[in-house]
N, C-alpha and C. Protein backbone atom coordinates (compact mmCIF):
# COMPACT_ATOMS: atom_id res chain seq x y z
N MET A 1 -16.04 -0.39 -59.45
CA MET A 1 -14.94 0.18 -58.29
C MET A 1 -13.63 -0.12 -58.81
N SER A 2 -13.02 0.53 -57.99
CA SER A 2 -11.27 0.91 -57.79
C SER A 2 -10.95 0.14 -56.75
N GLU A 3 -9.79 -0.31 -56.51
CA GLU A 3 -9.10 -0.70 -55.59
C GLU A 3 -8.02 0.39 -55.01
N SER A 4 -8.04 1.10 -55.63
CA SER A 4 -6.53 2.72 -55.03
C SER A 4 -7.23 3.75 -56.71
N VAL A 5 -6.67 5.20 -56.50
CA VAL A 5 -6.22 5.40 -57.68
C VAL A 5 -5.09 6.38 -57.64
N ASN A 6 -4.58 6.69 -58.56
CA ASN A 6 -3.78 8.42 -58.30
C ASN A 6 -3.53 9.40 -58.96
N VAL A 7 -3.55 10.43 -57.85
CA VAL A 7 -3.81 12.24 -58.71
C VAL A 7 -2.79 12.43 -58.90
N LEU A 8 -2.56 13.74 -59.83
CA LEU A 8 -1.60 14.49 -60.09
C LEU A 8 -2.29 15.71 -60.04
N PHE A 9 -1.38 16.96 -59.12
CA PHE A 9 -2.25 18.24 -59.75
C PHE A 9 -1.17 19.14 -60.17
N VAL A 10 -0.78 19.84 -61.18
CA VAL A 10 -0.63 20.44 -61.96
C VAL A 10 -0.44 21.82 -61.76
N CYS A 11 0.71 22.79 -61.78
CA CYS A 11 0.96 24.52 -61.51
C CYS A 11 1.77 24.39 -62.67
N LEU A 12 2.25 25.92 -62.52
CA LEU A 12 3.28 25.84 -63.98
C LEU A 12 4.57 25.78 -63.17
N GLY A 13 5.18 25.92 -61.82
CA GLY A 13 6.61 25.74 -61.88
C GLY A 13 6.64 24.51 -60.54
N ASN A 14 5.29 24.32 -60.08
CA ASN A 14 5.31 23.02 -59.05
C ASN A 14 6.28 23.38 -57.78
N ILE A 15 5.94 24.99 -57.35
CA ILE A 15 6.87 25.52 -55.55
C ILE A 15 5.26 26.10 -54.80
N CYS A 16 4.32 26.32 -55.77
CA CYS A 16 3.66 26.87 -55.16
C CYS A 16 1.87 26.04 -54.93
N ARG A 17 0.94 26.84 -56.16
CA ARG A 17 -0.16 25.88 -55.90
C ARG A 17 -0.07 24.16 -55.77
N SER A 18 0.86 23.24 -56.60
CA SER A 18 0.21 22.03 -56.77
C SER A 18 1.08 21.21 -55.63
N PRO A 19 2.41 21.61 -54.86
CA PRO A 19 2.83 20.92 -54.12
C PRO A 19 1.58 21.62 -52.79
N SER A 20 0.96 22.71 -52.68
CA SER A 20 0.58 22.75 -51.93
C SER A 20 -0.86 21.96 -52.27
N ALA A 21 -1.51 21.53 -52.90
CA ALA A 21 -2.62 21.14 -53.61
C ALA A 21 -2.33 19.25 -53.03
N GLU A 22 -0.84 18.95 -53.44
CA GLU A 22 -0.04 17.44 -53.36
C GLU A 22 -0.32 17.86 -50.91
N GLY A 23 0.21 18.33 -50.19
CA GLY A 23 0.09 18.48 -48.53
C GLY A 23 -1.33 18.39 -48.16
N ILE A 24 -1.93 19.37 -48.55
CA ILE A 24 -3.43 19.31 -48.15
C ILE A 24 -4.18 18.30 -48.98
N PHE A 25 -4.03 18.16 -49.46
CA PHE A 25 -5.16 16.66 -50.91
C PHE A 25 -4.38 14.96 -49.62
N ARG A 26 -3.16 14.99 -49.03
CA ARG A 26 -2.63 13.87 -48.61
C ARG A 26 -3.42 14.17 -47.14
N LYS A 27 -3.01 15.30 -46.37
CA LYS A 27 -4.16 15.08 -45.46
C LYS A 27 -4.99 14.99 -44.85
N VAL A 28 -6.38 15.55 -46.14
CA VAL A 28 -7.11 14.98 -46.14
C VAL A 28 -7.76 13.67 -45.70
N VAL A 29 -7.23 13.06 -47.23
CA VAL A 29 -7.32 11.81 -47.35
C VAL A 29 -7.32 11.02 -46.54
N GLU A 30 -5.15 11.34 -45.70
CA GLU A 30 -4.95 10.21 -44.38
C GLU A 30 -6.30 10.70 -43.38
N ALA A 31 -6.83 11.83 -43.03
CA ALA A 31 -8.03 11.40 -42.29
C ALA A 31 -8.84 11.17 -42.18
N ALA A 32 -9.45 10.26 -43.63
CA ALA A 32 -10.28 9.67 -44.17
C ALA A 32 -9.97 8.27 -43.57
N GLY A 33 -9.07 8.10 -43.88
CA GLY A 33 -8.28 6.57 -43.92
C GLY A 33 -8.00 5.92 -44.50
N LEU A 34 -8.01 6.71 -45.74
CA LEU A 34 -7.89 6.37 -47.43
C LEU A 34 -6.60 6.43 -47.69
N ALA A 35 -5.62 6.84 -46.81
CA ALA A 35 -4.12 6.68 -47.37
C ALA A 35 -3.47 5.71 -47.94
N ASP A 36 -3.63 4.41 -47.69
CA ASP A 36 -3.18 3.21 -48.44
C ASP A 36 -4.67 3.29 -50.19
N LYS A 37 -5.06 3.78 -50.18
CA LYS A 37 -5.79 3.50 -51.54
C LYS A 37 -5.94 4.67 -52.37
N VAL A 38 -4.71 5.90 -51.99
CA VAL A 38 -4.79 7.06 -52.90
C VAL A 38 -3.16 7.73 -52.59
N SER A 39 -3.02 7.49 -54.15
CA SER A 39 -1.56 8.08 -54.46
C SER A 39 -1.41 9.29 -55.36
N ILE A 40 -0.80 10.65 -53.87
CA ILE A 40 -0.99 11.60 -54.90
C ILE A 40 0.34 12.26 -55.27
N SER A 41 0.78 13.11 -56.23
CA SER A 41 1.97 13.81 -56.56
C SER A 41 1.73 15.30 -56.89
N SER A 42 2.73 15.46 -57.33
CA SER A 42 2.84 16.66 -57.93
C SER A 42 3.95 17.55 -59.32
N CYS A 43 3.27 18.57 -60.24
CA CYS A 43 4.57 18.81 -60.74
C CYS A 43 4.41 19.72 -61.48
N GLY A 44 5.02 20.42 -62.28
CA GLY A 44 4.79 22.05 -63.17
C GLY A 44 5.13 21.36 -64.50
N THR A 45 4.64 22.56 -64.89
CA THR A 45 4.45 22.56 -66.88
C THR A 45 5.52 22.85 -67.08
N GLY A 46 6.56 23.98 -66.22
CA GLY A 46 7.32 24.76 -66.61
C GLY A 46 8.80 24.06 -65.86
N SER A 47 10.02 23.53 -66.59
CA SER A 47 10.86 23.30 -65.99
C SER A 47 12.30 24.02 -65.04
N TRP A 48 11.53 25.61 -64.78
CA TRP A 48 12.59 26.50 -63.96
C TRP A 48 12.92 26.04 -62.94
N HIS A 49 12.39 25.18 -62.11
CA HIS A 49 12.45 24.86 -60.74
C HIS A 49 12.65 23.93 -60.28
N VAL A 50 12.87 22.98 -61.34
CA VAL A 50 13.39 21.15 -61.03
C VAL A 50 13.91 21.04 -59.71
N GLY A 51 13.30 20.30 -59.11
CA GLY A 51 14.39 20.33 -58.14
C GLY A 51 14.59 20.89 -56.96
N LYS A 52 13.86 21.65 -57.34
CA LYS A 52 13.78 22.65 -55.24
C LYS A 52 12.83 22.45 -54.64
N ALA A 53 12.66 23.08 -53.57
CA ALA A 53 11.92 22.75 -52.59
C ALA A 53 10.47 23.72 -52.63
N PRO A 54 9.11 23.85 -52.49
CA PRO A 54 8.70 24.37 -52.44
C PRO A 54 8.44 25.84 -52.04
N ASP A 55 8.23 27.07 -52.98
CA ASP A 55 8.62 28.61 -52.16
C ASP A 55 8.61 28.29 -50.83
N ALA A 56 9.05 29.16 -49.96
CA ALA A 56 9.23 29.12 -48.69
C ALA A 56 7.68 29.54 -48.25
N ARG A 57 7.30 30.75 -49.01
CA ARG A 57 5.96 31.47 -48.08
C ARG A 57 4.69 30.11 -48.23
N ALA A 58 4.67 29.65 -49.48
CA ALA A 58 4.03 28.16 -49.43
C ALA A 58 4.22 27.23 -48.47
N ARG A 59 5.34 26.89 -48.39
CA ARG A 59 5.33 25.99 -46.74
C ARG A 59 5.27 26.78 -45.65
N ALA A 60 5.00 27.81 -45.16
CA ALA A 60 4.75 28.25 -44.15
C ALA A 60 3.42 28.69 -43.76
N ALA A 61 2.60 28.72 -45.10
CA ALA A 61 1.10 28.84 -45.23
C ALA A 61 0.66 27.00 -44.87
N ALA A 62 1.29 26.57 -45.51
CA ALA A 62 1.11 25.03 -45.64
C ALA A 62 1.26 24.69 -44.03
N ALA A 63 2.24 25.11 -43.63
CA ALA A 63 2.74 24.50 -41.37
C ALA A 63 2.13 25.35 -41.47
N ARG A 64 0.90 26.72 -41.27
CA ARG A 64 -0.43 27.39 -40.07
C ARG A 64 -0.89 26.18 -40.34
N ARG A 65 -1.43 25.33 -41.02
CA ARG A 65 -2.60 24.53 -41.18
C ARG A 65 -2.17 23.09 -41.01
N GLY A 66 -0.74 22.25 -40.10
CA GLY A 66 -0.32 21.30 -39.76
C GLY A 66 0.13 20.50 -40.98
N VAL A 67 0.23 21.19 -42.12
CA VAL A 67 1.05 20.35 -43.21
C VAL A 67 2.27 20.94 -44.07
N ASP A 68 3.30 19.65 -43.92
CA ASP A 68 4.59 19.56 -43.58
C ASP A 68 5.21 19.65 -45.25
N ILE A 69 4.95 21.03 -46.35
CA ILE A 69 5.52 20.28 -47.95
C ILE A 69 7.07 20.52 -48.07
N SER A 70 7.44 20.90 -46.73
CA SER A 70 9.50 20.65 -47.31
C SER A 70 9.78 19.28 -47.18
N ASP A 71 9.84 18.77 -47.57
CA ASP A 71 10.28 17.34 -47.91
C ASP A 71 9.85 17.56 -49.69
N LEU A 72 9.11 17.86 -50.70
CA LEU A 72 8.63 18.09 -51.94
C LEU A 72 9.63 19.12 -52.49
N ARG A 73 9.64 18.37 -53.97
CA ARG A 73 10.86 18.54 -54.55
C ARG A 73 10.29 18.93 -56.31
N ALA A 74 10.06 19.82 -56.75
CA ALA A 74 9.33 20.19 -57.96
C ALA A 74 10.31 19.71 -59.09
N ARG A 75 9.30 18.73 -60.06
CA ARG A 75 9.31 18.16 -61.38
C ARG A 75 8.50 18.84 -62.15
N GLN A 76 8.67 18.42 -63.64
CA GLN A 76 7.80 18.99 -64.77
C GLN A 76 7.60 18.03 -64.87
N ILE A 77 5.56 17.94 -65.61
CA ILE A 77 5.48 16.94 -65.95
C ILE A 77 5.73 16.11 -67.42
N GLN A 78 5.76 15.12 -67.02
CA GLN A 78 6.04 13.72 -68.60
C GLN A 78 5.09 13.36 -69.12
N ALA A 79 4.89 13.00 -70.07
CA ALA A 79 3.40 12.32 -71.34
C ALA A 79 3.40 11.32 -70.33
N SER A 80 4.03 10.31 -69.57
CA SER A 80 4.03 9.29 -68.76
C SER A 80 3.04 9.31 -67.78
N ASP A 81 3.03 11.01 -67.13
CA ASP A 81 2.18 11.31 -66.43
C ASP A 81 0.50 10.97 -66.93
N LEU A 82 0.48 11.07 -67.51
CA LEU A 82 -1.06 10.88 -67.95
C LEU A 82 -1.21 9.90 -68.66
N THR A 83 -0.90 8.47 -68.27
CA THR A 83 -1.06 7.19 -68.21
C THR A 83 -1.18 6.64 -67.04
N ALA A 84 0.15 7.30 -66.07
CA ALA A 84 0.27 6.80 -64.76
C ALA A 84 -0.90 7.64 -63.82
N PHE A 85 -1.29 8.52 -64.11
CA PHE A 85 -2.11 9.16 -63.28
C PHE A 85 -3.68 8.81 -63.57
N ASP A 86 -4.34 8.41 -62.37
CA ASP A 86 -6.35 8.58 -62.86
C ASP A 86 -6.44 10.00 -62.88
N TYR A 87 -5.97 10.91 -62.48
CA TYR A 87 -6.85 12.05 -62.24
C TYR A 87 -5.73 13.09 -62.21
N VAL A 88 -5.84 13.65 -63.62
CA VAL A 88 -4.38 14.99 -63.70
C VAL A 88 -5.43 16.52 -63.77
N LEU A 89 -4.97 16.47 -62.43
CA LEU A 89 -5.90 18.27 -61.65
C LEU A 89 -4.72 19.48 -62.04
N VAL A 90 -5.32 20.36 -62.73
CA VAL A 90 -4.20 21.65 -63.64
C VAL A 90 -5.13 22.91 -62.15
N MET A 91 -4.11 23.56 -61.88
CA MET A 91 -4.37 24.78 -61.50
C MET A 91 -5.12 25.70 -61.80
N ASP A 92 -5.05 26.40 -63.30
CA ASP A 92 -5.60 27.27 -64.04
C ASP A 92 -5.95 26.73 -65.76
N GLN A 93 -6.63 28.03 -66.59
CA GLN A 93 -6.99 27.66 -67.89
C GLN A 93 -5.68 27.25 -68.92
N GLN A 94 -4.14 28.17 -68.56
CA GLN A 94 -3.48 27.94 -68.58
C GLN A 94 -2.62 26.97 -69.29
N ASN A 95 -2.78 26.21 -67.67
CA ASN A 95 -2.08 24.67 -67.35
C ASN A 95 -2.48 23.52 -68.63
N LEU A 96 -4.20 23.84 -67.73
CA LEU A 96 -5.20 23.21 -68.51
C LEU A 96 -4.60 22.90 -69.91
N ALA A 97 -4.18 24.27 -71.06
CA ALA A 97 -3.95 23.85 -72.43
C ALA A 97 -2.53 23.35 -72.71
N ASP A 98 -2.23 23.78 -71.68
CA ASP A 98 -0.29 23.03 -71.98
C ASP A 98 -0.83 21.61 -71.75
N VAL A 99 -1.40 21.06 -70.80
CA VAL A 99 -1.34 19.22 -70.86
C VAL A 99 -2.18 19.15 -71.83
N GLN A 100 -3.48 19.81 -71.99
CA GLN A 100 -4.19 18.59 -73.43
C GLN A 100 -3.30 19.16 -74.44
N ARG A 101 -2.15 20.08 -75.12
CA ARG A 101 -1.40 19.67 -75.99
C ARG A 101 -0.38 18.39 -75.65
N ILE A 102 0.06 18.07 -74.42
CA ILE A 102 0.90 16.49 -74.05
C ILE A 102 -0.26 15.83 -74.30
N ARG A 103 -1.39 15.67 -74.36
CA ARG A 103 -2.34 14.50 -74.01
C ARG A 103 -2.69 14.56 -75.61
N GLU A 104 -2.87 15.65 -76.30
CA GLU A 104 -2.98 15.16 -77.69
C GLU A 104 -2.08 14.91 -78.29
N ARG A 105 -0.64 14.76 -78.32
CA ARG A 105 0.19 14.24 -79.19
C ARG A 105 0.40 12.89 -78.58
N ASN A 106 -0.22 11.99 -76.85
CA ASN A 106 0.43 11.22 -76.20
C ASN A 106 -0.85 10.59 -75.82
N GLY A 107 -1.38 10.63 -75.51
CA GLY A 107 -2.96 10.21 -75.10
C GLY A 107 -2.58 10.08 -73.97
N GLY A 108 -4.27 9.27 -72.87
CA GLY A 108 -3.88 9.24 -71.65
C GLY A 108 -4.85 9.99 -70.87
N THR A 109 -5.07 10.44 -69.45
CA THR A 109 -6.14 11.00 -68.86
C THR A 109 -6.53 12.61 -69.20
N ARG A 110 -7.56 12.69 -69.32
CA ARG A 110 -8.00 13.92 -69.13
C ARG A 110 -7.98 14.55 -68.63
N PRO A 111 -6.76 15.74 -69.07
CA PRO A 111 -6.69 17.38 -67.39
C PRO A 111 -8.06 17.59 -67.16
N GLU A 112 -8.30 18.34 -66.26
CA GLU A 112 -9.77 19.07 -65.44
C GLU A 112 -8.68 19.63 -64.43
N LEU A 113 -9.83 21.14 -64.67
CA LEU A 113 -9.44 22.22 -63.51
C LEU A 113 -9.63 21.86 -62.19
N PHE A 114 -9.01 21.79 -61.70
CA PHE A 114 -8.93 20.85 -59.69
C PHE A 114 -10.13 22.28 -60.02
N LEU A 115 -10.58 22.76 -59.25
CA LEU A 115 -11.16 23.28 -58.54
C LEU A 115 -12.83 23.40 -59.31
N HIS A 116 -13.17 23.07 -60.17
CA HIS A 116 -14.31 21.78 -60.56
C HIS A 116 -14.90 21.33 -59.59
N TYR A 117 -14.16 20.32 -58.76
CA TYR A 117 -14.30 19.83 -57.26
C TYR A 117 -15.19 20.34 -55.84
N GLY A 118 -14.53 21.75 -55.84
CA GLY A 118 -14.66 22.52 -54.29
C GLY A 118 -16.54 23.42 -55.38
N ARG A 119 -17.02 24.04 -54.44
CA ARG A 119 -17.90 24.59 -54.51
C ARG A 119 -18.09 26.20 -54.92
N SER A 120 -17.24 26.68 -54.54
CA SER A 120 -16.53 28.14 -55.07
C SER A 120 -16.92 28.45 -56.16
N SER A 121 -17.33 29.65 -56.75
CA SER A 121 -17.56 30.59 -58.57
C SER A 121 -15.67 30.32 -58.88
N HIS A 122 -14.90 30.17 -57.94
CA HIS A 122 -13.63 30.25 -59.12
C HIS A 122 -13.38 29.51 -59.89
N ASP A 123 -12.16 29.39 -61.02
CA ASP A 123 -12.16 28.02 -61.82
C ASP A 123 -11.02 27.73 -61.60
N GLU A 124 -10.52 28.20 -61.40
CA GLU A 124 -8.06 28.55 -61.27
C GLU A 124 -7.83 29.26 -59.63
N VAL A 125 -6.94 28.08 -59.55
CA VAL A 125 -6.77 28.51 -58.63
C VAL A 125 -5.31 30.06 -58.50
N PRO A 126 -6.23 31.40 -58.54
CA PRO A 126 -4.70 31.92 -58.90
C PRO A 126 -3.14 31.68 -58.07
N ASP A 127 -2.54 32.16 -58.81
CA ASP A 127 -0.59 32.00 -58.99
C ASP A 127 -0.62 32.90 -57.79
N PRO A 128 -0.13 32.59 -56.39
CA PRO A 128 0.30 33.75 -55.27
C PRO A 128 1.73 33.87 -55.89
N TYR A 129 2.56 33.41 -56.12
CA TYR A 129 4.00 33.58 -56.64
C TYR A 129 4.22 35.02 -56.24
N TYR A 130 3.41 36.07 -57.12
CA TYR A 130 4.41 37.13 -57.60
C TYR A 130 2.97 38.56 -55.81
N GLY A 131 2.37 37.70 -55.57
CA GLY A 131 1.30 38.42 -54.32
C GLY A 131 2.30 38.76 -52.86
N GLY A 132 1.43 38.42 -52.12
CA GLY A 132 1.80 38.58 -50.82
C GLY A 132 1.37 37.74 -50.27
N GLU A 133 1.46 37.56 -48.99
CA GLU A 133 1.40 36.29 -48.14
C GLU A 133 0.20 36.00 -48.05
N LYS A 134 -1.09 37.13 -47.81
CA LYS A 134 -2.51 36.62 -47.90
C LYS A 134 -2.93 35.71 -49.53
N GLY A 135 -2.09 35.85 -49.91
CA GLY A 135 -2.61 35.27 -51.43
C GLY A 135 -2.09 33.62 -51.67
N PHE A 136 -1.33 33.14 -50.39
CA PHE A 136 -0.83 31.86 -50.35
C PHE A 136 -1.96 31.37 -48.91
N ASP A 137 -2.62 31.85 -48.57
CA ASP A 137 -3.89 31.61 -47.18
C ASP A 137 -5.27 31.41 -48.61
N THR A 138 -5.36 32.39 -49.08
CA THR A 138 -6.66 32.21 -50.71
C THR A 138 -6.26 30.67 -51.29
N VAL A 139 -5.29 30.67 -51.24
CA VAL A 139 -4.95 29.79 -52.25
C VAL A 139 -5.32 28.49 -51.39
N LEU A 140 -4.95 27.97 -50.64
CA LEU A 140 -5.15 26.85 -49.06
C LEU A 140 -7.08 27.12 -49.20
N ASP A 141 -7.10 28.13 -48.97
CA ASP A 141 -8.77 27.93 -49.05
C ASP A 141 -9.39 27.43 -50.07
N LEU A 142 -8.57 27.74 -51.01
CA LEU A 142 -9.57 27.45 -52.14
C LEU A 142 -9.40 25.67 -52.57
N ILE A 143 -8.06 25.12 -51.85
CA ILE A 143 -7.36 24.04 -52.27
C ILE A 143 -7.59 23.32 -50.95
N GLN A 144 -8.59 23.10 -50.20
CA GLN A 144 -9.29 22.67 -48.85
C GLN A 144 -10.53 22.37 -49.54
N GLU A 145 -11.31 23.41 -50.29
CA GLU A 145 -12.48 23.59 -50.31
C GLU A 145 -12.60 22.35 -51.34
N ALA A 146 -11.79 22.15 -52.59
CA ALA A 146 -11.48 21.06 -53.29
C ALA A 146 -11.26 19.78 -52.83
N SER A 147 -10.34 19.77 -52.45
CA SER A 147 -9.96 19.24 -51.84
C SER A 147 -11.20 17.72 -51.17
N GLU A 148 -11.82 18.65 -50.35
CA GLU A 148 -12.95 17.48 -49.40
C GLU A 148 -13.93 17.33 -50.57
N GLY A 149 -14.25 18.07 -51.75
CA GLY A 149 -15.49 17.65 -53.11
C GLY A 149 -14.43 16.64 -53.65
N LEU A 150 -13.03 16.87 -54.15
CA LEU A 150 -12.54 15.40 -54.93
C LEU A 150 -12.53 13.86 -53.40
N LEU A 151 -12.57 14.37 -52.42
CA LEU A 151 -12.19 13.38 -51.93
C LEU A 151 -13.61 12.47 -51.60
N ALA A 152 -14.80 13.79 -51.48
CA ALA A 152 -16.36 13.18 -52.09
C ALA A 152 -16.21 12.12 -52.84
N GLU A 153 -16.06 12.84 -54.27
CA GLU A 153 -15.62 11.99 -55.61
C GLU A 153 -15.00 10.78 -55.69
N LEU A 154 -13.89 10.48 -54.75
CA LEU A 154 -13.64 9.58 -55.03
C LEU A 154 -13.67 8.56 -53.64
N ARG A 155 -14.67 8.60 -53.11
CA ARG A 155 -15.20 7.33 -51.95
C ARG A 155 -16.31 6.98 -53.06
N LYS A 156 -16.51 7.81 -54.17
CA LYS A 156 -17.82 6.33 -55.05
C LYS A 156 -16.96 5.88 -55.71
N THR A 157 -15.70 5.74 -56.15
CA THR A 157 -15.09 5.03 -56.96
C THR A 157 -13.74 3.97 -55.91
N LEU A 158 -13.79 4.37 -54.74
CA LEU A 158 -12.91 3.54 -53.85
C LEU A 158 -13.93 2.51 -53.23
N ASN A 159 -13.28 0.95 -53.01
CA ASN A 159 -13.46 -0.27 -52.54
C ASN A 159 -14.09 0.38 -50.89
């Protein structure tokens, strides 16, 4: 059993999927009364959007679900994240490969696909950046389901 856990969500640019996961999972954790035991963050494997707010469409889709991610700012993953976080949850196979390369050089937490905690047949959270508004809602549906599965897993380890 542990007293607290640190969770990191990773996508490509940290402006759509991973900040959405951070916001949705934070809401799930708060609703479960575990906000004091779970630390949540997000980042991207790329550096293009460092310092920028999440995509306006991601912010709007999250807001429709009562989740405010407007205060989040994109950052790029660092090797130290793999020792600072207990769970490193990536959105797709390419980001998994990218984070695995960092781990091979530096050690740390083994990254895994976030949707493995969900019940859907999807392995990856699709990147909604080049799609329409509906893509963001689909992403949030997948994130919501996987967040609930992740919470169930964390309940087994938290005091």
